[in-house]
């Protein structure tokens, strides 16, 4: 199988590239310098030269607060860019694997039961709306797709935009002796890009297209996540919980956005391991 991976040097893309290469897959890595999903003609030229059997797209405008001000750029990537790739997939008659987010949920502020793939989305931010628009475009244009919703991703490559991830940020602040305040009223499932990548590989070889939630198992608040990071890293910083209102971020976040991997289990694929186990593995393997 020939695979074109868009965003191969990003946090998730880096892990996908390495894992697939290690298994002998013919995968062509494309960075933003190689391809910009906002320009269909240029994308088509690049991808036509590769002649892939599958396109994996990790490109996204995911600066959540910035999306509130930069609406057009966020939709250009998260919706328009997806449309461009869908058109190319139609022309080449190949499937697209694309990544969405738990942020397509959140409108039900009282929700405390994990969302499965059949639950109705309800985003509470322009970022979530733009990602949901991308989902609808894929469902409208393609029959052959793997649409993956992930949550709370962290990986050794860090985030291209942030230059880090939540785990590394917490450790950095702790080592610098900074006072740390973390929200305690947003519940999620931290998910390892390593674990996600391994499950992606399994999913591709089922050949079963559709929408899939794909996260580690369990749930916690961002504050509880931070406490577990410090416990595993053997750090004792000055940390205190705050509310989302106290944080006063520009974009609203879901109060509860835990995802249930129901569709993966329906294929006979095992759940990803508990988030605390994945985090321990990450901490133990830090350079």
C-alpha atoms as a PDB file:
ATOM      1  CA  UNK A   1       0.000   0.000   0.000  1.00  0.00           C
ATOM      2  CA  UNK A   2       1.315   3.437  -0.968  1.00  0.00           C
ATOM      3  CA  UNK A   3       0.401   6.096   1.606  1.00  0.00           C
ATOM      4  CA  UNK A   4       0.688   9.883   1.397  1.00  0.00           C
ATOM      5  CA  UNK A   5       0.936  11.405   4.897  1.00  0.00           C
ATOM      6  CA  UNK A   6       0.132  15.118   5.087  1.00  0.00           C
ATOM      7  CA  UNK A   7       1.687  16.769   8.145  1.00  0.00           C
ATOM      8  CA  UNK A   8       4.426  14.173   8.573  1.00  0.00           C
ATOM      9  CA  UNK A   9       6.531  16.369  10.887  1.00  0.00           C
ATOM     10  CA  UNK A  10       3.709  17.272  13.289  1.00  0.00           C
ATOM     11  CA  UNK A  11       2.980  15.739  16.678  1.00  0.00           C
ATOM     12  CA  UNK A  12       0.802  12.909  15.350  1.00  0.00           C
ATOM     13  CA  UNK A  13       2.368  12.746  11.891  1.00  0.00           C
ATOM     14  CA  UNK A  14       5.827  12.063  13.311  1.00  0.00           C
ATOM     15  CA  UNK A  15       4.605   8.981  15.164  1.00  0.00           C
ATOM     16  CA  UNK A  16       2.622   7.742  12.165  1.00  0.00           C
ATOM     17  CA  UNK A  17       5.621   8.164   9.878  1.00  0.00           C
ATOM     18  CA  UNK A  18       7.977   6.227  12.144  1.00  0.00           C
ATOM     19  CA  UNK A  19       5.554   3.438  13.054  1.00  0.00           C
ATOM     20  CA  UNK A  20       4.474   2.788   9.467  1.00  0.00           C
ATOM     21  CA  UNK A  21       8.032   2.929   8.144  1.00  0.00           C
ATOM     22  CA  UNK A  22       9.156   0.479  10.832  1.00  0.00           C
ATOM     23  CA  UNK A  23       6.561  -1.947   9.491  1.00  0.00           C
ATOM     24  CA  UNK A  24       7.788  -1.651   5.946  1.00  0.00           C
ATOM     25  CA  UNK A  25       4.957   0.506   4.637  1.00  0.00           C
ATOM     26  CA  UNK A  26       5.558   2.626   1.535  1.00  0.00           C
ATOM     27  CA  UNK A  27       4.730   5.994   3.074  1.00  0.00           C
ATOM     28  CA  UNK A  28       5.558   9.411   1.627  1.00  0.00           C
ATOM     29  CA  UNK A  29       5.812  12.145   4.251  1.00  0.00           C
ATOM     30  CA  UNK A  30       4.632  15.621   3.270  1.00  0.00           C
ATOM     31  CA  UNK A  31       5.234  18.728   5.383  1.00  0.00           C
ATOM     32  CA  UNK A  32       3.581  22.122   4.973  1.00  0.00           C
ATOM     33  CA  UNK A  33       6.521  23.122   2.776  1.00  0.00           C
ATOM     34  CA  UNK A  34       5.612  20.259   0.437  1.00  0.00           C
ATOM     35  CA  UNK A  35       1.850  20.666   0.350  1.00  0.00           C
ATOM     36  CA  UNK A  36      -0.784  23.178   1.455  1.00  0.00           C
ATOM     37  CA  UNK A  37      -4.286  21.725   1.625  1.00  0.00           C
ATOM     38  CA  UNK A  38      -5.782  25.150   0.920  1.00  0.00           C
ATOM     39  CA  UNK A  39      -4.599  24.975  -2.712  1.00  0.00           C
ATOM     40  CA  UNK A  40      -6.278  22.152  -4.586  1.00  0.00           C
ATOM     41  CA  UNK A  41      -4.340  22.350  -7.861  1.00  0.00           C
ATOM     42  CA  UNK A  42      -0.967  22.238  -6.114  1.00  0.00           C
ATOM     43  CA  UNK A  43      -2.155  19.397  -3.866  1.00  0.00           C
ATOM     44  CA  UNK A  44      -3.319  17.446  -6.874  1.00  0.00           C
ATOM     45  CA  UNK A  45       0.045  17.858  -8.615  1.00  0.00           C
ATOM     46  CA  UNK A  46       1.992  16.648  -5.561  1.00  0.00           C
ATOM     47  CA  UNK A  47      -0.314  13.714  -4.871  1.00  0.00           C
ATOM     48  CA  UNK A  48      -0.549  12.681  -8.516  1.00  0.00           C
ATOM     49  CA  UNK A  49       3.222  12.257  -8.510  1.00  0.00           C
ATOM     50  CA  UNK A  50       3.025   9.992  -5.446  1.00  0.00           C
ATOM     51  CA  UNK A  51       0.042   7.967  -6.711  1.00  0.00           C
ATOM     52  CA  UNK A  52      -1.088   6.941  -3.200  1.00  0.00           C
ATOM     53  CA  UNK A  53      -3.588   4.229  -2.331  1.00  0.00           C
ATOM     54  CA  UNK A  54      -4.524   6.174   0.816  1.00  0.00           C
ATOM     55  CA  UNK A  55      -4.156   9.791   1.952  1.00  0.00           C
ATOM     56  CA  UNK A  56      -3.703  10.413   5.677  1.00  0.00           C
ATOM     57  CA  UNK A  57      -4.349  14.051   6.572  1.00  0.00           C
ATOM     58  CA  UNK A  58      -3.141  15.427   9.904  1.00  0.00           C
ATOM     59  CA  UNK A  59      -3.139  19.086   8.775  1.00  0.00           C
ATOM     60  CA  UNK A  60      -5.367  21.334  10.869  1.00  0.00           C
ATOM     61  CA  UNK A  61      -5.819  24.861  12.168  1.00  0.00           C
ATOM     62  CA  UNK A  62      -6.068  23.906  15.834  1.00  0.00           C
ATOM     63  CA  UNK A  63      -5.218  27.051  17.787  1.00  0.00           C
ATOM     64  CA  UNK A  64      -8.538  27.013  19.586  1.00  0.00           C
ATOM     65  CA  UNK A  65      -8.572  30.586  20.878  1.00  0.00           C
ATOM     66  CA  UNK A  66      -7.134  32.044  17.669  1.00  0.00           C
ATOM     67  CA  UNK A  67      -9.974  30.457  15.694  1.00  0.00           C
ATOM     68  CA  UNK A  68     -12.367  32.833  17.437  1.00  0.00           C
ATOM     69  CA  UNK A  69     -10.671  35.777  15.679  1.00  0.00           C
ATOM     70  CA  UNK A  70      -9.269  34.146  12.548  1.00  0.00           C
ATOM     71  CA  UNK A  71     -12.440  32.493  11.321  1.00  0.00           C
ATOM     72  CA  UNK A  72     -11.611  32.483   7.614  1.00  0.00           C
ATOM     73  CA  UNK A  73      -8.149  30.874   7.965  1.00  0.00           C
ATOM     74  CA  UNK A  74      -9.509  28.219  10.334  1.00  0.00           C
ATOM     75  CA  UNK A  75     -12.314  27.276   7.930  1.00  0.00           C
ATOM     76  CA  UNK A  76      -9.923  27.459   4.967  1.00  0.00           C
ATOM     77  CA  UNK A  77      -7.876  24.624   6.486  1.00  0.00           C
ATOM     78  CA  UNK A  78     -10.405  22.663   8.547  1.00  0.00           C
ATOM     79  CA  UNK A  79     -13.205  22.743   5.983  1.00  0.00           C
ATOM     80  CA  UNK A  80     -11.918  24.090   2.641  1.00  0.00           C
ATOM     81  CA  UNK A  81      -8.716  22.055   2.803  1.00  0.00           C
ATOM     82  CA  UNK A  82     -10.703  18.937   3.578  1.00  0.00           C
ATOM     83  CA  UNK A  83     -12.940  19.618   0.559  1.00  0.00           C
ATOM     84  CA  UNK A  84      -9.859  19.880  -1.652  1.00  0.00           C
ATOM     85  CA  UNK A  85      -8.543  16.528  -0.456  1.00  0.00           C
ATOM     86  CA  UNK A  86     -11.969  14.922  -0.867  1.00  0.00           C
ATOM     87  CA  UNK A  87     -12.100  16.061  -4.492  1.00  0.00           C
ATOM     88  CA  UNK A  88      -8.658  14.555  -5.126  1.00  0.00           C
ATOM     89  CA  UNK A  89      -9.716  11.314  -3.428  1.00  0.00           C
ATOM     90  CA  UNK A  90     -12.760  11.223  -5.713  1.00  0.00           C
ATOM     91  CA  UNK A  91     -10.575  11.675  -8.789  1.00  0.00           C
ATOM     92  CA  UNK A  92      -8.047   9.037  -7.708  1.00  0.00           C
ATOM     93  CA  UNK A  93     -10.754   6.745  -6.295  1.00  0.00           C
ATOM     94  CA  UNK A  94      -8.872   6.313  -3.010  1.00  0.00           C
ATOM     95  CA  UNK A  95      -9.859   6.658   0.664  1.00  0.00           C
ATOM     96  CA  UNK A  96      -9.027   9.555   2.977  1.00  0.00           C
ATOM     97  CA  UNK A  97      -8.075   9.223   6.634  1.00  0.00           C
ATOM     98  CA  UNK A  98      -8.779  12.481   8.456  1.00  0.00           C
ATOM     99  CA  UNK A  99      -8.655  13.553  12.093  1.00  0.00           C
ATOM    100  CA  UNK A 100     -11.358  15.405  13.980  1.00  0.00           C
ATOM    101  CA  UNK A 101     -11.731  16.230  17.652  1.00  0.00           C
ATOM    102  CA  UNK A 102     -13.698  15.845  20.865  1.00  0.00           C
ATOM    103  CA  UNK A 103     -14.404  19.572  20.493  1.00  0.00           C
ATOM    104  CA  UNK A 104     -17.298  18.741  18.153  1.00  0.00           C
ATOM    105  CA  UNK A 105     -19.145  18.075  21.433  1.00  0.00           C
ATOM    106  CA  UNK A 106     -19.830  20.251  24.465  1.00  0.00           C
ATOM    107  CA  UNK A 107     -23.227  21.867  23.925  1.00  0.00           C
ATOM    108  CA  UNK A 108     -24.790  19.570  26.518  1.00  0.00           C
ATOM    109  CA  UNK A 109     -23.261  21.149  29.632  1.00  0.00           C
ATOM    110  CA  UNK A 110     -24.818  18.510  31.913  1.00  0.00           C
ATOM    111  CA  UNK A 111     -23.428  15.523  30.013  1.00  0.00           C
ATOM    112  CA  UNK A 112     -21.296  13.104  32.056  1.00  0.00           C
ATOM    113  CA  UNK A 113     -21.559   9.945  29.938  1.00  0.00           C
ATOM    114  CA  UNK A 114     -18.936   9.294  27.212  1.00  0.00           C
ATOM    115  CA  UNK A 115     -20.000  10.231  23.698  1.00  0.00           C
ATOM    116  CA  UNK A 116     -20.135   7.451  21.121  1.00  0.00           C
ATOM    117  CA  UNK A 117     -20.134   7.881  17.354  1.00  0.00           C
ATOM    118  CA  UNK A 118     -23.950   7.936  17.170  1.00  0.00           C
ATOM    119  CA  UNK A 119     -24.323  10.908  19.510  1.00  0.00           C
ATOM    120  CA  UNK A 120     -25.321  14.220  17.955  1.00  0.00           C
ATOM    121  CA  UNK A 121     -22.450  16.749  17.880  1.00  0.00           C
ATOM    122  CA  UNK A 122     -22.808  20.175  19.419  1.00  0.00           C
ATOM    123  CA  UNK A 123     -19.640  22.296  19.378  1.00  0.00           C
ATOM    124  CA  UNK A 124     -19.202  25.323  21.650  1.00  0.00           C
ATOM    125  CA  UNK A 125     -16.346  27.079  19.807  1.00  0.00           C
ATOM    126  CA  UNK A 126     -15.525  28.173  16.272  1.00  0.00           C
ATOM    127  CA  UNK A 127     -12.707  25.623  16.255  1.00  0.00           C
ATOM    128  CA  UNK A 128     -15.204  22.857  16.991  1.00  0.00           C
ATOM    129  CA  UNK A 129     -17.587  24.206  14.369  1.00  0.00           C
ATOM    130  CA  UNK A 130     -14.840  24.297  11.736  1.00  0.00           C
ATOM    131  CA  UNK A 131     -13.784  20.718  12.496  1.00  0.00           C
ATOM    132  CA  UNK A 132     -17.391  19.531  12.387  1.00  0.00           C
ATOM    133  CA  UNK A 133     -17.776  21.251   9.018  1.00  0.00           C
ATOM    134  CA  UNK A 134     -14.826  19.187   7.794  1.00  0.00           C
ATOM    135  CA  UNK A 135     -16.555  16.018   9.006  1.00  0.00           C
ATOM    136  CA  UNK A 136     -19.756  16.853   7.143  1.00  0.00           C
ATOM    137  CA  UNK A 137     -17.822  17.596   3.951  1.00  0.00           C
ATOM    138  CA  UNK A 138     -16.143  14.179   4.100  1.00  0.00           C
ATOM    139  CA  UNK A 139     -19.455  12.397   4.675  1.00  0.00           C
ATOM    140  CA  UNK A 140     -21.063  14.402   1.870  1.00  0.00           C
ATOM    141  CA  UNK A 141     -18.315  13.850  -0.719  1.00  0.00           C
ATOM    142  CA  UNK A 142     -16.800  10.442   0.023  1.00  0.00           C
ATOM    143  CA  UNK A 143     -17.893   6.860   0.537  1.00  0.00           C
ATOM    144  CA  UNK A 144     -14.404   5.621   1.358  1.00  0.00           C
ATOM    145  CA  UNK A 145     -13.054   7.384   4.436  1.00  0.00           C
ATOM    146  CA  UNK A 146     -11.683   6.830   7.921  1.00  0.00           C
ATOM    147  CA  UNK A 147     -12.819   9.750  10.082  1.00  0.00           C
ATOM    148  CA  UNK A 148     -11.078   9.694  13.459  1.00  0.00           C
ATOM    149  CA  UNK A 149     -12.092  11.755  16.486  1.00  0.00           C
ATOM    150  CA  UNK A 150      -9.275  12.010  19.029  1.00  0.00           C
ATOM    151  CA  UNK A 151      -8.948  13.781  22.382  1.00  0.00           C
ATOM    152  CA  UNK A 152      -6.183  15.388  24.462  1.00  0.00           C
ATOM    153  CA  UNK A 153      -3.300  14.296  22.232  1.00  0.00           C
ATOM    154  CA  UNK A 154       0.317  14.367  23.385  1.00  0.00           C
ATOM    155  CA  UNK A 155       3.411  12.894  21.789  1.00  0.00           C
ATOM    156  CA  UNK A 156       7.177  13.215  21.877  1.00  0.00           C
ATOM    157  CA  UNK A 157       7.257  15.348  18.733  1.00  0.00           C
ATOM    158  CA  UNK A 158       5.176  18.013  20.479  1.00  0.00           C
ATOM    159  CA  UNK A 159       2.709  20.281  18.737  1.00  0.00           C
ATOM    160  CA  UNK A 160       3.991  22.138  15.673  1.00  0.00           C
ATOM    161  CA  UNK A 161       2.067  25.252  16.666  1.00  0.00           C
ATOM    162  CA  UNK A 162       2.652  25.243  20.416  1.00  0.00           C
ATOM    163  CA  UNK A 163       6.191  23.855  20.233  1.00  0.00           C
ATOM    164  CA  UNK A 164       5.337  21.489  23.071  1.00  0.00           C
ATOM    165  CA  UNK A 165       2.398  19.602  24.557  1.00  0.00           C
ATOM    166  CA  UNK A 166       0.537  19.662  27.863  1.00  0.00           C
ATOM    167  CA  UNK A 167       2.802  17.085  29.490  1.00  0.00           C
ATOM    168  CA  UNK A 168       6.007  18.890  28.545  1.00  0.00           C
ATOM    169  CA  UNK A 169       4.537  22.268  29.493  1.00  0.00           C
ATOM    170  CA  UNK A 170       3.610  21.048  32.961  1.00  0.00           C
ATOM    171  CA  UNK A 171       7.057  19.523  33.522  1.00  0.00           C
ATOM    172  CA  UNK A 172       8.774  22.688  32.273  1.00  0.00           C
ATOM    173  CA  UNK A 173       6.743  24.941  34.577  1.00  0.00           C
ATOM    174  CA  UNK A 174       7.382  22.634  37.529  1.00  0.00           C
ATOM    175  CA  UNK A 175      11.136  22.528  36.919  1.00  0.00           C
ATOM    176  CA  UNK A 176      11.198  26.312  36.673  1.00  0.00           C
ATOM    177  CA  UNK A 177       9.464  26.575  40.035  1.00  0.00           C
ATOM    178  CA  UNK A 178       6.474  28.415  38.582  1.00  0.00           C
ATOM    179  CA  UNK A 179       3.093  28.585  40.283  1.00  0.00           C
ATOM    180  CA  UNK A 180       0.776  26.376  38.233  1.00  0.00           C
ATOM    181  CA  UNK A 181      -2.969  26.767  37.870  1.00  0.00           C
ATOM    182  CA  UNK A 182      -4.949  24.199  35.890  1.00  0.00           C
ATOM    183  CA  UNK A 183      -8.662  23.969  35.134  1.00  0.00           C
ATOM    184  CA  UNK A 184     -10.547  21.334  37.095  1.00  0.00           C
ATOM    185  CA  UNK A 185     -13.959  21.565  35.419  1.00  0.00           C
ATOM    186  CA  UNK A 186     -13.097  20.247  31.947  1.00  0.00           C
ATOM    187  CA  UNK A 187     -13.097  16.452  31.745  1.00  0.00           C
ATOM    188  CA  UNK A 188     -11.403  14.566  28.910  1.00  0.00           C
ATOM    189  CA  UNK A 189      -9.279  11.510  28.101  1.00  0.00           C
ATOM    190  CA  UNK A 190      -5.577  12.252  27.563  1.00  0.00           C
ATOM    191  CA  UNK A 191      -4.445  10.238  24.550  1.00  0.00           C
ATOM    192  CA  UNK A 192      -0.971   9.150  23.490  1.00  0.00           C
ATOM    193  CA  UNK A 193      -0.133   9.684  19.821  1.00  0.00           C
ATOM    194  CA  UNK A 194       1.888   6.456  20.042  1.00  0.00           C
ATOM    195  CA  UNK A 195      -1.170   4.440  21.095  1.00  0.00           C
ATOM    196  CA  UNK A 196      -3.363   6.214  18.562  1.00  0.00           C
ATOM    197  CA  UNK A 197      -0.920   5.418  15.759  1.00  0.00           C
ATOM    198  CA  UNK A 198      -0.843   1.721  16.604  1.00  0.00           C
ATOM    199  CA  UNK A 199      -4.641   1.555  16.505  1.00  0.00           C
ATOM    200  CA  UNK A 200      -4.769   3.491  13.224  1.00  0.00           C
ATOM    201  CA  UNK A 201      -2.568   0.875  11.663  1.00  0.00           C
ATOM    202  CA  UNK A 202      -4.910  -1.887  12.810  1.00  0.00           C
ATOM    203  CA  UNK A 203      -7.953   0.000  11.527  1.00  0.00           C
ATOM    204  CA  UNK A 204      -6.535   0.585   8.054  1.00  0.00           C
ATOM    205  CA  UNK A 205      -6.010  -3.116   7.542  1.00  0.00           C
ATOM    206  CA  UNK A 206      -9.612  -3.918   8.424  1.00  0.00           C
ATOM    207  CA  UNK A 207     -10.676  -1.956   5.339  1.00  0.00           C
ATOM    208  CA  UNK A 208     -13.785  -0.891   7.268  1.00  0.00           C
ATOM    209  CA  UNK A 209     -14.567   2.735   6.463  1.00  0.00           C
ATOM    210  CA  UNK A 210     -16.491   5.092   8.726  1.00  0.00           C
ATOM    211  CA  UNK A 211     -16.402   7.327  11.788  1.00  0.00           C
ATOM    212  CA  UNK A 212     -14.350   6.167  14.765  1.00  0.00           C
ATOM    213  CA  UNK A 213     -13.613   7.540  18.210  1.00  0.00           C
ATOM    214  CA  UNK A 214     -10.041   6.669  19.118  1.00  0.00           C
ATOM    215  CA  UNK A 215      -8.705   7.567  22.570  1.00  0.00           C
ATOM    216  CA  UNK A 216      -7.062   5.932  25.518  1.00  0.00           C
ATOM    217  CA  UNK A 217      -9.605   4.763  28.102  1.00  0.00           C
ATOM    218  CA  UNK A 218     -10.688   6.418  31.331  1.00  0.00           C
ATOM    219  CA  UNK A 219     -11.250  10.093  32.087  1.00  0.00           C
ATOM    220  CA  UNK A 220      -9.912  12.961  34.191  1.00  0.00           C
ATOM    221  CA  UNK A 221      -9.884  16.727  34.440  1.00  0.00           C
ATOM    222  CA  UNK A 222      -6.908  18.689  33.144  1.00  0.00           C
ATOM    223  CA  UNK A 223      -5.983  19.267  36.798  1.00  0.00           C
ATOM    224  CA  UNK A 224      -6.023  15.526  37.541  1.00  0.00           C
ATOM    225  CA  UNK A 225      -3.974  14.976  34.380  1.00  0.00           C
ATOM    226  CA  UNK A 226      -1.382  17.441  35.663  1.00  0.00           C
ATOM    227  CA  UNK A 227      -1.265  15.771  39.088  1.00  0.00           C
ATOM    228  CA  UNK A 228      -0.585  12.396  37.466  1.00  0.00           C
ATOM    229  CA  UNK A 229       2.181  13.927  35.334  1.00  0.00           C
ATOM    230  CA  UNK A 230       3.895  15.306  38.429  1.00  0.00           C
ATOM    231  CA  UNK A 231       3.489  12.039  40.302  1.00  0.00           C
ATOM    232  CA  UNK A 232       5.115  10.031  37.516  1.00  0.00           C
ATOM    233  CA  UNK A 233       7.824  12.631  36.905  1.00  0.00           C
ATOM    234  CA  UNK A 234       8.501  12.802  40.672  1.00  0.00           C
ATOM    235  CA  UNK A 235       7.917  16.544  40.840  1.00  0.00           C
ATOM    236  CA  UNK A 236       6.193  18.535  43.609  1.00  0.00           C
ATOM    237  CA  UNK A 237       5.257  21.935  42.184  1.00  0.00           C
ATOM    238  CA  UNK A 238       2.960  24.590  43.582  1.00  0.00           C
ATOM    239  CA  UNK A 239      -0.247  23.655  41.747  1.00  0.00           C
ATOM    240  CA  UNK A 240      -3.854  24.664  42.344  1.00  0.00           C
ATOM    241  CA  UNK A 241      -7.157  24.017  40.542  1.00  0.00           C
ATOM    242  CA  UNK A 242      -9.129  26.811  38.889  1.00  0.00           C
ATOM    243  CA  UNK A 243     -12.406  27.005  36.991  1.00  0.00           C
ATOM    244  CA  UNK A 244     -12.830  27.693  33.304  1.00  0.00           C
ATOM    245  CA  UNK A 245     -14.383  31.020  34.242  1.00  0.00           C
ATOM    246  CA  UNK A 246     -11.233  31.940  36.159  1.00  0.00           C
ATOM    247  CA  UNK A 247      -9.048  30.938  33.220  1.00  0.00           C
ATOM    248  CA  UNK A 248     -11.103  33.263  30.997  1.00  0.00           C
ATOM    249  CA  UNK A 249      -9.949  31.770  27.689  1.00  0.00           C
ATOM    250  CA  UNK A 250     -11.345  33.400  24.562  1.00  0.00           C
ATOM    251  CA  UNK A 251     -12.890  30.181  23.260  1.00  0.00           C
ATOM    252  CA  UNK A 252     -15.249  28.064  25.304  1.00  0.00           C
ATOM    253  CA  UNK A 253     -14.193  24.448  25.924  1.00  0.00           C
ATOM    254  CA  UNK A 254     -16.431  21.435  26.494  1.00  0.00           C
ATOM    255  CA  UNK A 255     -17.061  20.730  30.180  1.00  0.00           C
ATOM    256  CA  UNK A 256     -17.118  17.025  29.305  1.00  0.00           C
ATOM    257  CA  UNK A 257     -15.751  15.526  26.095  1.00  0.00           C
ATOM    258  CA  UNK A 258     -14.871  11.920  26.902  1.00  0.00           C
ATOM    259  CA  UNK A 259     -15.253   9.665  23.858  1.00  0.00           C
ATOM    260  CA  UNK A 260     -16.360   6.034  23.775  1.00  0.00           C
ATOM    261  CA  UNK A 261     -14.592   3.892  21.141  1.00  0.00           C
ATOM    262  CA  UNK A 262     -17.756   1.939  20.376  1.00  0.00           C
ATOM    263  CA  UNK A 263     -17.217   1.514  16.650  1.00  0.00           C
ATOM    264  CA  UNK A 264     -13.695   0.142  17.126  1.00  0.00           C
ATOM    265  CA  UNK A 265     -15.006  -2.517  19.505  1.00  0.00           C
ATOM    266  CA  UNK A 266     -17.725  -3.376  16.994  1.00  0.00           C
ATOM    267  CA  UNK A 267     -14.938  -4.327  14.562  1.00  0.00           C
ATOM    268  CA  UNK A 268     -13.418  -6.613  17.180  1.00  0.00           C
ATOM    269  CA  UNK A 269     -10.510  -4.240  17.884  1.00  0.00           C
ATOM    270  CA  UNK A 270      -9.449  -3.922  21.499  1.00  0.00           C
ATOM    271  CA  UNK A 271      -9.779  -0.666  23.402  1.00  0.00           C
ATOM    272  CA  UNK A 272      -6.664   1.426  23.775  1.00  0.00           C
ATOM    273  CA  UNK A 273      -5.038   1.011  27.180  1.00  0.00           C
ATOM    274  CA  UNK A 274      -5.940   3.229  30.180  1.00  0.00           C
ATOM    275  CA  UNK A 275      -4.625   6.767  29.928  1.00  0.00           C
ATOM    276  CA  UNK A 276      -2.498   6.470  33.084  1.00  0.00           C
ATOM    277  CA  UNK A 277      -0.601   3.497  31.617  1.00  0.00           C
ATOM    278  CA  UNK A 278       0.040   5.382  28.386  1.00  0.00           C
ATOM    279  CA  UNK A 279       1.219   8.442  30.299  1.00  0.00           C
ATOM    280  CA  UNK A 280       3.635   6.372  32.383  1.00  0.00           C
ATOM    281  CA  UNK A 281       5.097   4.916  29.202  1.00  0.00           C
ATOM    282  CA  UNK A 282       5.507   8.432  27.807  1.00  0.00           C
ATOM    283  CA  UNK A 283       7.174   9.764  30.962  1.00  0.00           C
ATOM    284  CA  UNK A 284       9.507   6.749  31.197  1.00  0.00           C
ATOM    285  CA  UNK A 285      10.588   7.151  27.579  1.00  0.00           C
ATOM    286  CA  UNK A 286      11.278  10.900  27.659  1.00  0.00           C
ATOM    287  CA  UNK A 287      14.777  11.742  26.374  1.00  0.00           C
END
